[in-house]
PDB file of N, CA and C in Angstrom:
ATOM      1  N   MET A   1      10.789 -15.506  -9.281  1.00  0.00           N
ATOM      2  CA  MET A   1      10.377 -14.560  -8.148  1.00  0.00           C
ATOM      3  C   MET A   1       8.919 -14.563  -7.837  1.00  0.00           C
ATOM      4  N   SER A   2       8.564 -14.952  -6.584  1.00  0.00           N
ATOM      5  CA  SER A   2       7.035 -15.218  -6.522  1.00  0.00           C
ATOM      6  C   SER A   2       6.692 -13.558  -6.509  1.00  0.00           C
ATOM      7  N   LYS A   3       5.280 -13.430  -6.998  1.00  0.00           N
ATOM      8  CA  LYS A   3       4.475 -12.309  -6.884  1.00  0.00           C
ATOM      9  C   LYS A   3       3.804 -12.045  -5.480  1.00  0.00           C
ATOM     10  N   ILE A   4       3.685 -13.210  -4.776  1.00  0.00           N
ATOM     11  CA  ILE A   4       3.155 -12.979  -3.310  1.00  0.00           C
ATOM     12  C   ILE A   4       3.851 -12.712  -2.635  1.00  0.00           C
ATOM     13  N   THR A   5       3.326 -11.905  -1.628  1.00  0.00           N
ATOM     14  CA  THR A   5       4.189 -11.716  -0.510  1.00  0.00           C
ATOM     15  C   THR A   5       3.396 -11.291   0.960  1.00  0.00           C
ATOM     16  N   THR A   6       4.231 -11.302   1.854  1.00  0.00           N
ATOM     17  CA  THR A   6       3.708 -10.881   3.368  1.00  0.00           C
ATOM     18  C   THR A   6       3.269  -9.238   3.320  1.00  0.00           C
ATOM     19  N   ILE A   7       2.414  -8.802   3.883  1.00  0.00           N
ATOM     20  CA  ILE A   7       2.571  -7.290   4.095  1.00  0.00           C
ATOM     21  C   ILE A   7       3.547  -6.778   4.804  1.00  0.00           C
ATOM     22  N   GLU A   8       4.334  -7.482   5.843  1.00  0.00           N
ATOM     23  CA  GLU A   8       5.630  -7.139   6.218  1.00  0.00           C
ATOM     24  C   GLU A   8       6.718  -6.834   5.242  1.00  0.00           C
ATOM     25  N   GLN A   9       6.702  -7.751   4.019  1.00  0.00           N
ATOM     26  CA  GLN A   9       7.687  -7.900   3.190  1.00  0.00           C
ATOM     27  C   GLN A   9       7.334  -6.669   1.989  1.00  0.00           C
ATOM     28  N   ALA A  10       6.177  -6.478   1.777  1.00  0.00           N
ATOM     29  CA  ALA A  10       5.644  -5.133   0.847  1.00  0.00           C
ATOM     30  C   ALA A  10       5.947  -3.908   1.789  1.00  0.00           C
ATOM     31  N   MET A  11       5.740  -3.706   2.999  1.00  0.00           N
ATOM     32  CA  MET A  11       5.878  -2.586   3.794  1.00  0.00           C
ATOM     33  C   MET A  11       7.590  -2.296   3.828  1.00  0.00           C
ATOM     34  N   ARG A  12       8.383  -3.003   3.674  1.00  0.00           N
ATOM     35  CA  ARG A  12       9.917  -2.791   3.779  1.00  0.00           C
ATOM     36  C   ARG A  12      10.021  -2.204   2.417  1.00  0.00           C
ATOM     37  N   ASN A  13       9.502  -2.143   1.500  1.00  0.00           N
ATOM     38  CA  ASN A  13       9.820  -1.523   0.068  1.00  0.00           C
ATOM     39  C   ASN A  13       9.115  -0.172  -0.010  1.00  0.00           C
ATOM     40  N   ILE A  14       8.341   0.486   0.887  1.00  0.00           N
ATOM     41  CA  ILE A  14       7.406   1.569   0.791  1.00  0.00           C
ATOM     42  C   ILE A  14       8.205   2.545   1.773  1.00  0.00           C
ATOM     43  N   GLU A  15       8.680   3.534   0.939  1.00  0.00           N
ATOM     44  CA  GLU A  15       9.031   4.699   1.795  1.00  0.00           C
ATOM     45  C   GLU A  15       8.436   6.130   1.455  1.00  0.00           C
ATOM     46  N   ASP A  16       8.860   6.865   2.732  1.00  0.00           N
ATOM     47  CA  ASP A  16       8.272   8.042   2.552  1.00  0.00           C
ATOM     48  C   ASP A  16       8.514   8.987   1.194  1.00  0.00           C
ATOM     49  N   GLY A  17       7.271   9.498   0.829  1.00  0.00           N
ATOM     50  CA  GLY A  17       7.569  10.232  -0.359  1.00  0.00           C
ATOM     51  C   GLY A  17       7.392   9.348  -1.838  1.00  0.00           C
ATOM     52  N   MET A  18       6.975   8.224  -1.720  1.00  0.00           N
ATOM     53  CA  MET A  18       6.781   7.301  -3.022  1.00  0.00           C
ATOM     54  C   MET A  18       5.572   7.449  -3.330  1.00  0.00           C
ATOM     55  N   THR A  19       5.308   7.245  -4.772  1.00  0.00           N
ATOM     56  CA  THR A  19       3.976   7.212  -5.384  1.00  0.00           C
ATOM     57  C   THR A  19       3.429   5.840  -5.393  1.00  0.00           C
ATOM     58  N   LEU A  20       2.176   5.749  -5.132  1.00  0.00           N
ATOM     59  CA  LEU A  20       1.602   4.261  -5.251  1.00  0.00           C
ATOM     60  C   LEU A  20       0.536   4.174  -5.804  1.00  0.00           C
ATOM     61  N   MET A  21       0.257   3.316  -6.808  1.00  0.00           N
ATOM     62  CA  MET A  21      -0.971   3.291  -7.398  1.00  0.00           C
ATOM     63  C   MET A  21      -1.695   1.987  -6.958  1.00  0.00           C
ATOM     64  N   ILE A  22      -2.620   2.270  -6.292  1.00  0.00           N
ATOM     65  CA  ILE A  22      -3.684   1.352  -5.743  1.00  0.00           C
ATOM     66  C   ILE A  22      -4.788   1.336  -6.309  1.00  0.00           C
ATOM     67  N   ALA A  23      -5.122  -0.085  -6.650  1.00  0.00           N
ATOM     68  CA  ALA A  23      -6.505  -0.656  -7.386  1.00  0.00           C
ATOM     69  C   ALA A  23      -7.565  -0.838  -6.831  1.00  0.00           C
ATOM     70  N   GLY A  24      -8.770  -1.004  -7.077  1.00  0.00           N
ATOM     71  CA  GLY A  24      -9.678  -1.327  -6.042  1.00  0.00           C
ATOM     72  C   GLY A  24     -11.039  -0.342  -6.648  1.00  0.00           C
ATOM     73  N   PHE A  25     -12.266  -0.932  -5.870  1.00  0.00           N
ATOM     74  CA  PHE A  25     -13.451  -0.006  -6.377  1.00  0.00           C
ATOM     75  C   PHE A  25     -14.091  -0.031  -5.147  1.00  0.00           C
ATOM     76  N   LEU A  26     -14.258   1.270  -4.553  1.00  0.00           N
ATOM     77  CA  LEU A  26     -14.698   1.516  -3.330  1.00  0.00           C
ATOM     78  C   LEU A  26     -14.332   0.498  -2.319  1.00  0.00           C
ATOM     79  N   ALA A  27     -15.326  -0.270  -1.743  1.00  0.00           N
ATOM     80  CA  ALA A  27     -15.054  -1.266  -0.569  1.00  0.00           C
ATOM     81  C   ALA A  27     -14.793  -2.415  -1.189  1.00  0.00           C
ATOM     82  N   VAL A  28     -15.071  -2.677  -2.747  1.00  0.00           N
ATOM     83  CA  VAL A  28     -14.714  -3.936  -3.175  1.00  0.00           C
ATOM     84  C   VAL A  28     -13.592  -3.945  -3.776  1.00  0.00           C
ATOM     85  N   GLY A  29     -12.615  -4.757  -3.449  1.00  0.00           N
ATOM     86  CA  GLY A  29     -11.083  -4.988  -3.855  1.00  0.00           C
ATOM     87  C   GLY A  29     -10.325  -4.038  -3.302  1.00  0.00           C
ATOM     88  N   THR A  30     -10.780  -2.922  -2.701  1.00  0.00           N
ATOM     89  CA  THR A  30      -9.667  -2.211  -2.042  1.00  0.00           C
ATOM     90  C   THR A  30      -8.816  -2.791  -1.217  1.00  0.00           C
ATOM     91  N   PRO A  31      -7.496  -2.751  -1.145  1.00  0.00           N
ATOM     92  CA  PRO A  31      -6.706  -3.510  -0.423  1.00  0.00           C
ATOM     93  C   PRO A  31      -6.276  -2.829   0.927  1.00  0.00           C
ATOM     94  N   GLU A  32      -7.539  -3.110   1.837  1.00  0.00           N
ATOM     95  CA  GLU A  32      -7.568  -2.455   3.187  1.00  0.00           C
ATOM     96  C   GLU A  32      -6.467  -2.931   4.042  1.00  0.00           C
ATOM     97  N   VAL A  33      -5.830  -3.944   3.717  1.00  0.00           N
ATOM     98  CA  VAL A  33      -4.810  -4.288   4.620  1.00  0.00           C
ATOM     99  C   VAL A  33      -3.346  -3.439   4.335  1.00  0.00           C
ATOM    100  N   LEU A  34      -3.176  -3.187   3.082  1.00  0.00           N
ATOM    101  CA  LEU A  34      -2.309  -2.392   2.569  1.00  0.00           C
ATOM    102  C   LEU A  34      -2.619  -0.753   3.175  1.00  0.00           C
ATOM    103  N   VAL A  35      -3.583  -0.484   2.826  1.00  0.00           N
ATOM    104  CA  VAL A  35      -3.894   1.056   3.616  1.00  0.00           C
ATOM    105  C   VAL A  35      -3.871   1.047   4.941  1.00  0.00           C
ATOM    106  N   ASP A  36      -4.090   0.301   5.797  1.00  0.00           N
ATOM    107  CA  ASP A  36      -4.020   0.079   7.136  1.00  0.00           C
ATOM    108  C   ASP A  36      -2.561  -0.037   7.533  1.00  0.00           C
ATOM    109  N   ALA A  37      -1.791  -0.805   6.836  1.00  0.00           N
ATOM    110  CA  ALA A  37      -0.200  -0.759   7.265  1.00  0.00           C
ATOM    111  C   ALA A  37       0.590   0.483   6.817  1.00  0.00           C
ATOM    112  N   LEU A  38       0.039   1.273   5.896  1.00  0.00           N
ATOM    113  CA  LEU A  38       0.691   2.421   5.446  1.00  0.00           C
ATOM    114  C   LEU A  38       0.418   3.448   6.837  1.00  0.00           C
ATOM    115  N   VAL A  39      -0.686   3.457   7.375  1.00  0.00           N
ATOM    116  CA  VAL A  39      -1.117   4.383   8.501  1.00  0.00           C
ATOM    117  C   VAL A  39      -0.460   3.882   9.692  1.00  0.00           C
ATOM    118  N   VAL A  40      -0.479   2.562   9.759  1.00  0.00           N
ATOM    119  CA  VAL A  40       0.283   2.022  10.962  1.00  0.00           C
ATOM    120  C   VAL A  40       1.855   2.260  11.160  1.00  0.00           C
ATOM    121  N   GLN A  41       2.416   2.245   9.827  1.00  0.00           N
ATOM    122  CA  GLN A  41       3.909   2.752   9.629  1.00  0.00           C
ATOM    123  C   GLN A  41       3.997   3.947   9.480  1.00  0.00           C
ATOM    124  N   GLY A  42       3.058   4.804   9.444  1.00  0.00           N
ATOM    125  CA  GLY A  42       3.226   6.014   9.462  1.00  0.00           C
ATOM    126  C   GLY A  42       3.810   6.852   8.497  1.00  0.00           C
ATOM    127  N   THR A  43       3.672   6.249   7.445  1.00  0.00           N
ATOM    128  CA  THR A  43       4.350   6.801   6.125  1.00  0.00           C
ATOM    129  C   THR A  43       3.737   8.222   5.662  1.00  0.00           C
ATOM    130  N   LYS A  44       4.818   9.004   5.431  1.00  0.00           N
ATOM    131  CA  LYS A  44       4.630  10.340   5.363  1.00  0.00           C
ATOM    132  C   LYS A  44       4.570  10.760   4.039  1.00  0.00           C
ATOM    133  N   ALA A  45       3.907  11.837   3.498  1.00  0.00           N
ATOM    134  CA  ALA A  45       4.001  12.475   2.301  1.00  0.00           C
ATOM    135  C   ALA A  45       4.185  11.082   0.850  1.00  0.00           C
ATOM    136  N   ALA A  46       3.105  10.088   1.241  1.00  0.00           N
ATOM    137  CA  ALA A  46       3.074   9.181   0.098  1.00  0.00           C
ATOM    138  C   ALA A  46       1.883   9.678  -0.785  1.00  0.00           C
ATOM    139  N   TYR A  47       2.118   9.642  -2.190  1.00  0.00           N
ATOM    140  CA  TYR A  47       1.098   9.906  -3.171  1.00  0.00           C
ATOM    141  C   TYR A  47       0.379   8.585  -3.364  1.00  0.00           C
ATOM    142  N   GLY A  48      -1.169   8.379  -3.444  1.00  0.00           N
ATOM    143  CA  GLY A  48      -1.729   7.178  -3.554  1.00  0.00           C
ATOM    144  C   GLY A  48      -2.643   7.989  -5.092  1.00  0.00           C
ATOM    145  N   TYR A  49      -2.629   7.049  -6.165  1.00  0.00           N
ATOM    146  CA  TYR A  49      -3.544   7.084  -7.412  1.00  0.00           C
ATOM    147  C   TYR A  49      -4.376   5.952  -7.241  1.00  0.00           C
ATOM    148  N   CYS A  50      -5.534   6.168  -6.902  1.00  0.00           N
ATOM    149  CA  CYS A  50      -6.404   5.039  -6.971  1.00  0.00           C
ATOM    150  C   CYS A  50      -7.272   4.932  -8.121  1.00  0.00           C
ATOM    151  N   GLN A  51      -7.547   3.867  -8.815  1.00  0.00           N
ATOM    152  CA  GLN A  51      -8.181   3.611  -9.942  1.00  0.00           C
ATOM    153  C   GLN A  51      -9.272   2.732  -9.820  1.00  0.00           C
TER     154      GLN A  51
END
């Protein structure tokens, strides 16, 4: 199973109310495409832990 996926494939696995662990350091390494896709999808009540 490949660990590389498209943002569309990843977003199909994210549902309202899920807890997400997002790694990054301020603007360096932050998965901006993922964060933008969460906003566009309208994900509600998602909990994010940023490390």
